[in-house]
Amino acid sequence: MEKIQIALIEPEIPGNTGSIARTCVATDTFLTIVGPIPFDISDKQVRRAGLDYWPHLRHEYLNSFEEFLKKYQNRRLILTSARLGENYSDFKFQKGDILLMGKETMGIEKGFLHSGKHPVVHLPMWGETRSLNLANASTVFLYEAYRQLGFGV
């Protein structure tokens, strides 16, 4: 089982996917990309953001959210939201958690987000913005999980 894992659900911006991939290489975190996605994973914007680290990325591509849910039905999914749920720093992460990051434009599908089946966490924001950048938010969530687990677990 992975220490912590990130799953990107239908990411829309190649640069964000590349930046998250680079963070995953730096932290030896497994990345799941769930499609469909509107760009080719070999897109130069993805590669540029990930620089020359892409060959070192441990990752998989799954064709649908349903495929993802079936494959990881026995893992704890941590849903992330711009406003809902528990403050990320109060939440108790566990080894094996999967951080679920939704689409840049709409987040995680509302019915799934509000189902009550999975914990939901958010990063506090008090300024005049709708949400934080997906790559930045992913990094904050990931490092908090590793901090709680003792880094390099």
N, C-alpha and C. Protein backbone atom coordinates (compact mmCIF):
# COMPACT_ATOMS: atom_id res chain seq x y z
N MET A 1 0.84 -1.19 0.00
CA MET A 1 0.00 0.00 0.00
C MET A 1 0.88 1.25 0.00
N GLU A 2 0.45 2.23 -0.74
CA GLU A 2 1.17 3.50 -0.81
C GLU A 2 1.08 4.24 0.52
N LYS A 3 2.08 5.09 0.77
CA LYS A 3 2.07 5.93 1.97
C LYS A 3 0.88 6.88 1.89
N ILE A 4 0.91 7.72 0.91
CA ILE A 4 -0.17 8.64 0.56
C ILE A 4 -0.20 8.63 -0.96
N GLN A 5 -1.36 8.84 -1.52
CA GLN A 5 -1.50 8.83 -2.97
C GLN A 5 -2.34 10.03 -3.38
N ILE A 6 -2.06 10.57 -4.55
CA ILE A 6 -2.88 11.65 -5.10
C ILE A 6 -3.62 11.12 -6.31
N ALA A 7 -4.90 11.46 -6.41
CA ALA A 7 -5.69 11.12 -7.60
C ALA A 7 -6.26 12.42 -8.17
N LEU A 8 -5.96 12.67 -9.42
CA LEU A 8 -6.50 13.83 -10.13
C LEU A 8 -7.68 13.36 -10.96
N ILE A 9 -8.85 13.91 -10.69
CA ILE A 9 -10.05 13.52 -11.40
C ILE A 9 -10.27 14.48 -12.57
N GLU A 10 -10.09 13.96 -13.76
CA GLU A 10 -10.30 14.72 -15.00
C GLU A 10 -9.62 16.09 -14.98
N PRO A 11 -8.31 16.14 -14.73
CA PRO A 11 -7.63 17.43 -14.73
C PRO A 11 -7.76 18.10 -16.10
N GLU A 12 -7.81 19.43 -16.10
CA GLU A 12 -8.06 20.18 -17.34
C GLU A 12 -6.88 21.01 -17.81
N ILE A 13 -5.94 21.29 -16.93
CA ILE A 13 -4.84 22.19 -17.27
C ILE A 13 -3.52 21.41 -17.25
N PRO A 14 -2.89 21.26 -18.41
CA PRO A 14 -1.66 20.46 -18.49
C PRO A 14 -0.58 20.89 -17.51
N GLY A 15 -0.40 22.20 -17.34
CA GLY A 15 0.64 22.68 -16.43
C GLY A 15 0.42 22.27 -14.99
N ASN A 16 -0.84 22.25 -14.55
CA ASN A 16 -1.13 21.78 -13.18
C ASN A 16 -0.78 20.31 -13.03
N THR A 17 -1.15 19.51 -14.02
CA THR A 17 -0.84 18.08 -13.96
C THR A 17 0.67 17.87 -13.91
N GLY A 18 1.42 18.62 -14.72
CA GLY A 18 2.87 18.51 -14.70
C GLY A 18 3.48 18.94 -13.38
N SER A 19 2.97 20.01 -12.80
CA SER A 19 3.48 20.48 -11.50
C SER A 19 3.20 19.48 -10.39
N ILE A 20 2.00 18.91 -10.41
CA ILE A 20 1.65 17.90 -9.40
C ILE A 20 2.52 16.66 -9.59
N ALA A 21 2.76 16.28 -10.83
CA ALA A 21 3.64 15.14 -11.10
C ALA A 21 5.04 15.38 -10.53
N ARG A 22 5.54 16.58 -10.70
CA ARG A 22 6.87 16.91 -10.18
C ARG A 22 6.90 16.81 -8.65
N THR A 23 5.85 17.31 -7.99
CA THR A 23 5.76 17.18 -6.54
C THR A 23 5.71 15.72 -6.13
N CYS A 24 4.99 14.91 -6.90
CA CYS A 24 4.91 13.48 -6.59
C CYS A 24 6.27 12.81 -6.71
N VAL A 25 7.05 13.18 -7.71
CA VAL A 25 8.40 12.62 -7.83
C VAL A 25 9.25 13.05 -6.63
N ALA A 26 9.16 14.32 -6.25
CA ALA A 26 9.96 14.84 -5.13
C ALA A 26 9.62 14.17 -3.81
N THR A 27 8.39 13.68 -3.67
CA THR A 27 7.95 13.07 -2.41
C THR A 27 7.73 11.56 -2.54
N ASP A 28 8.10 10.99 -3.67
CA ASP A 28 7.89 9.57 -3.95
C ASP A 28 6.43 9.17 -3.70
N THR A 29 5.52 9.98 -4.23
CA THR A 29 4.09 9.77 -4.08
C THR A 29 3.52 9.23 -5.38
N PHE A 30 2.70 8.20 -5.29
CA PHE A 30 2.07 7.62 -6.47
C PHE A 30 0.94 8.53 -6.94
N LEU A 31 0.87 8.77 -8.26
CA LEU A 31 -0.13 9.65 -8.85
C LEU A 31 -1.07 8.85 -9.74
N THR A 32 -2.36 9.01 -9.52
CA THR A 32 -3.37 8.44 -10.40
C THR A 32 -4.04 9.58 -11.16
N ILE A 33 -4.06 9.46 -12.47
CA ILE A 33 -4.76 10.43 -13.31
C ILE A 33 -5.99 9.73 -13.85
N VAL A 34 -7.16 10.29 -13.54
CA VAL A 34 -8.42 9.69 -13.94
C VAL A 34 -9.00 10.50 -15.10
N GLY A 35 -9.27 9.82 -16.19
CA GLY A 35 -9.79 10.48 -17.38
C GLY A 35 -11.30 10.46 -17.44
N PRO A 36 -11.81 11.02 -18.50
CA PRO A 36 -11.03 11.53 -19.63
C PRO A 36 -10.39 12.88 -19.33
N ILE A 37 -9.30 13.15 -20.04
CA ILE A 37 -8.64 14.45 -19.90
C ILE A 37 -8.58 15.11 -21.28
N PRO A 38 -8.66 16.44 -21.33
CA PRO A 38 -8.73 17.15 -22.61
C PRO A 38 -7.37 17.44 -23.26
N PHE A 39 -6.33 16.75 -22.82
CA PHE A 39 -5.00 16.96 -23.39
C PHE A 39 -4.28 15.63 -23.41
N ASP A 40 -3.26 15.56 -24.22
CA ASP A 40 -2.43 14.36 -24.31
C ASP A 40 -1.44 14.41 -23.14
N ILE A 41 -1.33 13.31 -22.43
CA ILE A 41 -0.45 13.27 -21.26
C ILE A 41 1.00 13.55 -21.66
N SER A 42 1.32 13.37 -22.93
CA SER A 42 2.68 13.68 -23.39
C SER A 42 2.79 15.13 -23.86
N ASP A 43 1.72 15.90 -23.69
CA ASP A 43 1.69 17.32 -24.06
C ASP A 43 2.93 18.03 -23.51
N LYS A 44 3.54 18.88 -24.33
CA LYS A 44 4.78 19.53 -23.88
C LYS A 44 4.57 20.43 -22.68
N GLN A 45 3.34 20.96 -22.47
CA GLN A 45 3.08 21.77 -21.27
C GLN A 45 3.14 20.91 -20.01
N VAL A 46 2.66 19.67 -20.11
CA VAL A 46 2.74 18.75 -18.98
C VAL A 46 4.20 18.43 -18.70
N ARG A 47 4.92 18.09 -19.74
CA ARG A 47 6.33 17.73 -19.60
C ARG A 47 7.17 18.91 -19.11
N ARG A 48 6.88 20.10 -19.61
CA ARG A 48 7.65 21.28 -19.20
C ARG A 48 7.48 21.53 -17.71
N ALA A 49 6.26 21.43 -17.21
CA ALA A 49 6.02 21.65 -15.78
C ALA A 49 6.69 20.57 -14.95
N GLY A 50 6.74 19.35 -15.48
CA GLY A 50 7.39 18.25 -14.77
C GLY A 50 8.86 18.14 -15.08
N LEU A 51 9.32 18.96 -16.01
CA LEU A 51 10.71 18.98 -16.47
C LEU A 51 11.19 17.58 -16.81
N ASP A 52 12.39 17.26 -16.40
CA ASP A 52 12.94 15.95 -16.76
C ASP A 52 12.62 14.88 -15.70
N TYR A 53 11.68 15.17 -14.83
CA TYR A 53 11.34 14.22 -13.77
C TYR A 53 10.31 13.19 -14.21
N TRP A 54 9.63 13.43 -15.33
CA TRP A 54 8.53 12.56 -15.74
C TRP A 54 8.91 11.07 -15.79
N PRO A 55 10.10 10.69 -16.28
CA PRO A 55 10.44 9.26 -16.30
C PRO A 55 10.52 8.63 -14.91
N HIS A 56 10.65 9.44 -13.88
CA HIS A 56 10.75 8.93 -12.51
C HIS A 56 9.41 8.89 -11.79
N LEU A 57 8.37 9.37 -12.44
CA LEU A 57 7.04 9.43 -11.83
C LEU A 57 6.41 8.05 -11.76
N ARG A 58 5.97 7.68 -10.57
CA ARG A 58 5.17 6.45 -10.41
C ARG A 58 3.72 6.86 -10.59
N HIS A 59 3.09 6.37 -11.65
CA HIS A 59 1.73 6.82 -11.94
C HIS A 59 0.95 5.79 -12.74
N GLU A 60 -0.34 6.07 -12.83
CA GLU A 60 -1.22 5.26 -13.66
C GLU A 60 -2.28 6.19 -14.25
N TYR A 61 -2.85 5.74 -15.35
CA TYR A 61 -3.96 6.46 -15.96
C TYR A 61 -5.15 5.51 -15.98
N LEU A 62 -6.26 5.95 -15.40
CA LEU A 62 -7.50 5.17 -15.43
C LEU A 62 -8.50 5.92 -16.30
N ASN A 63 -9.29 5.18 -17.05
CA ASN A 63 -10.18 5.78 -18.04
C ASN A 63 -11.41 6.48 -17.49
N SER A 64 -11.82 6.14 -16.27
CA SER A 64 -13.06 6.73 -15.75
C SER A 64 -13.04 6.77 -14.23
N PHE A 65 -13.91 7.60 -13.69
CA PHE A 65 -14.06 7.69 -12.24
C PHE A 65 -14.61 6.37 -11.69
N GLU A 66 -15.48 5.72 -12.44
CA GLU A 66 -16.03 4.42 -12.02
C GLU A 66 -14.92 3.38 -11.90
N GLU A 67 -14.00 3.38 -12.85
CA GLU A 67 -12.86 2.46 -12.79
C GLU A 67 -12.00 2.75 -11.56
N PHE A 68 -11.78 4.02 -11.27
CA PHE A 68 -11.03 4.42 -10.09
C PHE A 68 -11.71 3.92 -8.81
N LEU A 69 -13.02 4.17 -8.69
CA LEU A 69 -13.76 3.76 -7.49
C LEU A 69 -13.72 2.25 -7.29
N LYS A 70 -13.83 1.51 -8.36
CA LYS A 70 -13.78 0.04 -8.26
C LYS A 70 -12.39 -0.42 -7.81
N LYS A 71 -11.37 0.14 -8.41
CA LYS A 71 -10.00 -0.28 -8.08
C LYS A 71 -9.63 0.05 -6.63
N TYR A 72 -10.11 1.19 -6.15
CA TYR A 72 -9.71 1.65 -4.81
C TYR A 72 -10.85 1.60 -3.80
N GLN A 73 -11.76 0.68 -3.97
CA GLN A 73 -12.93 0.60 -3.08
C GLN A 73 -12.56 0.29 -1.63
N ASN A 74 -11.40 -0.27 -1.40
CA ASN A 74 -11.00 -0.61 -0.03
C ASN A 74 -10.01 0.38 0.57
N ARG A 75 -9.83 1.52 -0.07
CA ARG A 75 -8.93 2.55 0.46
C ARG A 75 -9.74 3.74 0.94
N ARG A 76 -9.17 4.49 1.87
CA ARG A 76 -9.85 5.69 2.37
C ARG A 76 -9.58 6.84 1.40
N LEU A 77 -10.66 7.37 0.85
CA LEU A 77 -10.58 8.50 -0.06
C LEU A 77 -10.81 9.79 0.71
N ILE A 78 -9.91 10.73 0.57
CA ILE A 78 -10.04 12.03 1.22
C ILE A 78 -10.41 13.03 0.13
N LEU A 79 -11.64 13.52 0.18
CA LEU A 79 -12.11 14.46 -0.82
C LEU A 79 -11.65 15.86 -0.46
N THR A 80 -11.25 16.62 -1.44
CA THR A 80 -10.81 17.99 -1.20
C THR A 80 -11.82 18.96 -1.80
N SER A 81 -11.98 20.08 -1.12
CA SER A 81 -12.98 21.06 -1.54
C SER A 81 -12.44 22.47 -1.29
N ALA A 82 -12.95 23.42 -2.04
CA ALA A 82 -12.55 24.81 -1.83
C ALA A 82 -13.12 25.37 -0.53
N ARG A 83 -14.27 24.89 -0.11
CA ARG A 83 -14.94 25.49 1.06
C ARG A 83 -15.51 24.49 2.07
N LEU A 84 -15.83 23.29 1.63
CA LEU A 84 -16.53 22.34 2.50
C LEU A 84 -15.58 21.49 3.33
N GLY A 85 -16.11 20.91 4.38
CA GLY A 85 -15.38 19.92 5.16
C GLY A 85 -14.53 20.51 6.26
N GLU A 86 -13.69 19.66 6.77
CA GLU A 86 -12.82 19.97 7.90
C GLU A 86 -11.57 20.72 7.44
N ASN A 87 -11.09 21.61 8.26
CA ASN A 87 -9.83 22.29 7.98
C ASN A 87 -8.75 21.22 7.87
N TYR A 88 -7.96 21.26 6.81
CA TYR A 88 -6.95 20.23 6.55
C TYR A 88 -5.98 20.03 7.71
N SER A 89 -5.69 21.07 8.47
CA SER A 89 -4.72 20.94 9.56
C SER A 89 -5.32 20.30 10.81
N ASP A 90 -6.65 20.22 10.88
CA ASP A 90 -7.32 19.54 11.98
C ASP A 90 -7.62 18.08 11.66
N PHE A 91 -7.56 17.73 10.39
CA PHE A 91 -7.89 16.38 9.94
C PHE A 91 -6.73 15.43 10.26
N LYS A 92 -7.05 14.20 10.61
CA LYS A 92 -6.02 13.20 10.92
C LYS A 92 -5.83 12.27 9.72
N PHE A 93 -4.75 12.52 8.99
CA PHE A 93 -4.43 11.68 7.84
C PHE A 93 -3.87 10.35 8.31
N GLN A 94 -4.05 9.33 7.47
CA GLN A 94 -3.57 7.98 7.77
C GLN A 94 -2.75 7.46 6.60
N LYS A 95 -1.81 6.58 6.90
CA LYS A 95 -1.04 5.93 5.85
C LYS A 95 -2.02 5.21 4.93
N GLY A 96 -1.82 5.37 3.63
CA GLY A 96 -2.69 4.73 2.65
C GLY A 96 -3.81 5.61 2.13
N ASP A 97 -4.00 6.79 2.71
CA ASP A 97 -5.04 7.71 2.23
C ASP A 97 -4.79 8.10 0.78
N ILE A 98 -5.87 8.31 0.05
CA ILE A 98 -5.80 8.85 -1.31
C ILE A 98 -6.43 10.23 -1.29
N LEU A 99 -5.64 11.24 -1.64
CA LEU A 99 -6.13 12.61 -1.74
C LEU A 99 -6.78 12.79 -3.10
N LEU A 100 -8.06 13.03 -3.11
CA LEU A 100 -8.82 13.14 -4.35
C LEU A 100 -8.97 14.61 -4.71
N MET A 101 -8.40 14.99 -5.85
CA MET A 101 -8.44 16.37 -6.32
C MET A 101 -9.35 16.44 -7.54
N GLY A 102 -10.34 17.32 -7.50
CA GLY A 102 -11.30 17.44 -8.59
C GLY A 102 -10.82 18.34 -9.72
N LYS A 103 -11.66 18.47 -10.72
CA LYS A 103 -11.37 19.33 -11.88
C LYS A 103 -11.11 20.77 -11.44
N GLU A 104 -10.25 21.44 -12.16
CA GLU A 104 -9.94 22.83 -11.85
C GLU A 104 -11.19 23.72 -11.90
N THR A 105 -12.09 23.49 -12.84
CA THR A 105 -13.23 24.39 -13.02
C THR A 105 -14.43 24.07 -12.14
N MET A 106 -14.53 22.84 -11.64
CA MET A 106 -15.73 22.52 -10.86
C MET A 106 -15.49 21.63 -9.65
N GLY A 107 -14.27 21.22 -9.41
CA GLY A 107 -14.00 20.39 -8.24
C GLY A 107 -14.54 18.98 -8.40
N ILE A 108 -14.80 18.35 -7.28
CA ILE A 108 -15.35 16.99 -7.25
C ILE A 108 -16.85 17.07 -7.47
N GLU A 109 -17.37 16.15 -8.22
CA GLU A 109 -18.81 16.12 -8.54
C GLU A 109 -19.62 16.26 -7.25
N LYS A 110 -20.60 17.17 -7.26
CA LYS A 110 -21.33 17.56 -6.04
C LYS A 110 -22.02 16.39 -5.34
N GLY A 111 -22.67 15.51 -6.10
CA GLY A 111 -23.35 14.38 -5.48
C GLY A 111 -22.38 13.49 -4.70
N PHE A 112 -21.20 13.26 -5.27
CA PHE A 112 -20.19 12.44 -4.61
C PHE A 112 -19.63 13.18 -3.40
N LEU A 113 -19.37 14.47 -3.58
CA LEU A 113 -18.82 15.30 -2.50
C LEU A 113 -19.74 15.34 -1.29
N HIS A 114 -21.04 15.41 -1.53
CA HIS A 114 -22.03 15.54 -0.45
C HIS A 114 -22.60 14.19 0.01
N SER A 115 -22.05 13.09 -0.48
CA SER A 115 -22.62 11.77 -0.16
C SER A 115 -22.44 11.38 1.30
N GLY A 116 -21.45 11.95 1.97
CA GLY A 116 -21.19 11.61 3.37
C GLY A 116 -20.41 10.31 3.54
N LYS A 117 -20.01 9.69 2.44
CA LYS A 117 -19.30 8.41 2.51
C LYS A 117 -17.80 8.58 2.75
N HIS A 118 -17.29 9.77 2.47
CA HIS A 118 -15.85 10.00 2.56
C HIS A 118 -15.58 11.32 3.27
N PRO A 119 -14.48 11.39 4.02
CA PRO A 119 -14.13 12.66 4.66
C PRO A 119 -13.82 13.73 3.62
N VAL A 120 -14.13 14.97 3.96
CA VAL A 120 -13.88 16.12 3.08
C VAL A 120 -13.02 17.11 3.84
N VAL A 121 -11.98 17.61 3.19
CA VAL A 121 -11.10 18.61 3.80
C VAL A 121 -10.96 19.82 2.88
N HIS A 122 -10.62 20.94 3.48
CA HIS A 122 -10.41 22.16 2.70
C HIS A 122 -9.24 22.95 3.28
N LEU A 123 -8.71 23.85 2.46
CA LEU A 123 -7.71 24.81 2.90
C LEU A 123 -8.45 26.11 3.20
N PRO A 124 -8.23 26.71 4.36
CA PRO A 124 -8.95 27.95 4.67
C PRO A 124 -8.53 29.08 3.73
N MET A 125 -9.51 29.85 3.32
CA MET A 125 -9.28 31.04 2.49
C MET A 125 -10.11 32.17 3.07
N TRP A 126 -9.55 33.31 3.18
CA TRP A 126 -10.31 34.45 3.71
C TRP A 126 -10.24 35.65 2.77
N GLY A 127 -9.63 35.47 1.63
CA GLY A 127 -9.55 36.54 0.64
C GLY A 127 -10.67 36.42 -0.39
N GLU A 128 -10.61 37.26 -1.37
CA GLU A 128 -11.65 37.36 -2.40
C GLU A 128 -11.32 36.45 -3.59
N THR A 129 -11.21 35.16 -3.36
CA THR A 129 -10.95 34.24 -4.46
C THR A 129 -11.88 33.04 -4.36
N ARG A 130 -12.17 32.46 -5.50
CA ARG A 130 -13.08 31.32 -5.56
C ARG A 130 -12.40 30.04 -5.06
N SER A 131 -11.13 29.89 -5.44
CA SER A 131 -10.40 28.68 -5.05
C SER A 131 -8.91 28.91 -5.23
N LEU A 132 -8.13 27.98 -4.71
CA LEU A 132 -6.68 28.02 -4.90
C LEU A 132 -6.31 27.21 -6.14
N ASN A 133 -5.14 27.45 -6.66
CA ASN A 133 -4.63 26.67 -7.78
C ASN A 133 -4.53 25.20 -7.39
N LEU A 134 -4.93 24.31 -8.29
CA LEU A 134 -4.96 22.88 -8.00
C LEU A 134 -3.59 22.33 -7.60
N ALA A 135 -2.55 22.73 -8.32
CA ALA A 135 -1.21 22.24 -8.01
C ALA A 135 -0.75 22.72 -6.64
N ASN A 136 -1.02 23.99 -6.33
CA ASN A 136 -0.63 24.52 -5.01
C ASN A 136 -1.39 23.83 -3.89
N ALA A 137 -2.70 23.68 -4.06
CA ALA A 137 -3.52 23.03 -3.03
C ALA A 137 -3.08 21.58 -2.83
N SER A 138 -2.80 20.87 -3.91
CA SER A 138 -2.35 19.48 -3.80
C SER A 138 -1.09 19.37 -2.96
N THR A 139 -0.18 20.30 -3.20
CA THR A 139 1.09 20.30 -2.46
C THR A 139 0.87 20.54 -0.97
N VAL A 140 0.01 21.48 -0.63
CA VAL A 140 -0.26 21.76 0.78
C VAL A 140 -0.89 20.54 1.45
N PHE A 141 -1.91 19.96 0.84
CA PHE A 141 -2.55 18.76 1.41
C PHE A 141 -1.53 17.63 1.59
N LEU A 142 -0.74 17.40 0.56
CA LEU A 142 0.22 16.30 0.59
C LEU A 142 1.26 16.48 1.69
N TYR A 143 1.82 17.67 1.79
CA TYR A 143 2.84 17.90 2.81
C TYR A 143 2.27 17.85 4.23
N GLU A 144 1.04 18.27 4.40
CA GLU A 144 0.42 18.15 5.73
C GLU A 144 0.24 16.68 6.09
N ALA A 145 -0.20 15.88 5.14
CA ALA A 145 -0.36 14.44 5.40
C ALA A 145 0.99 13.83 5.79
N TYR A 146 2.04 14.14 5.02
CA TYR A 146 3.36 13.60 5.35
C TYR A 146 3.89 14.15 6.67
N ARG A 147 3.61 15.41 6.97
CA ARG A 147 4.05 15.97 8.26
C ARG A 147 3.44 15.16 9.40
N GLN A 148 2.14 14.90 9.30
CA GLN A 148 1.47 14.15 10.36
C GLN A 148 2.01 12.72 10.47
N LEU A 149 2.40 12.15 9.35
CA LEU A 149 2.88 10.77 9.35
C LEU A 149 4.37 10.65 9.60
N GLY A 150 5.05 11.78 9.76
CA GLY A 150 6.47 11.75 10.08
C GLY A 150 7.39 11.86 8.88
N PHE A 151 6.94 12.42 7.78
CA PHE A 151 7.74 12.59 6.56
C PHE A 151 8.48 11.31 6.20
N GLY A 152 8.61 11.05 4.94
CA GLY A 152 9.38 9.91 4.46
C GLY A 152 8.93 8.57 4.99
N VAL A 153 7.67 8.46 5.40
CA VAL A 153 7.15 7.21 5.97
C VAL A 153 7.30 6.04 5.03
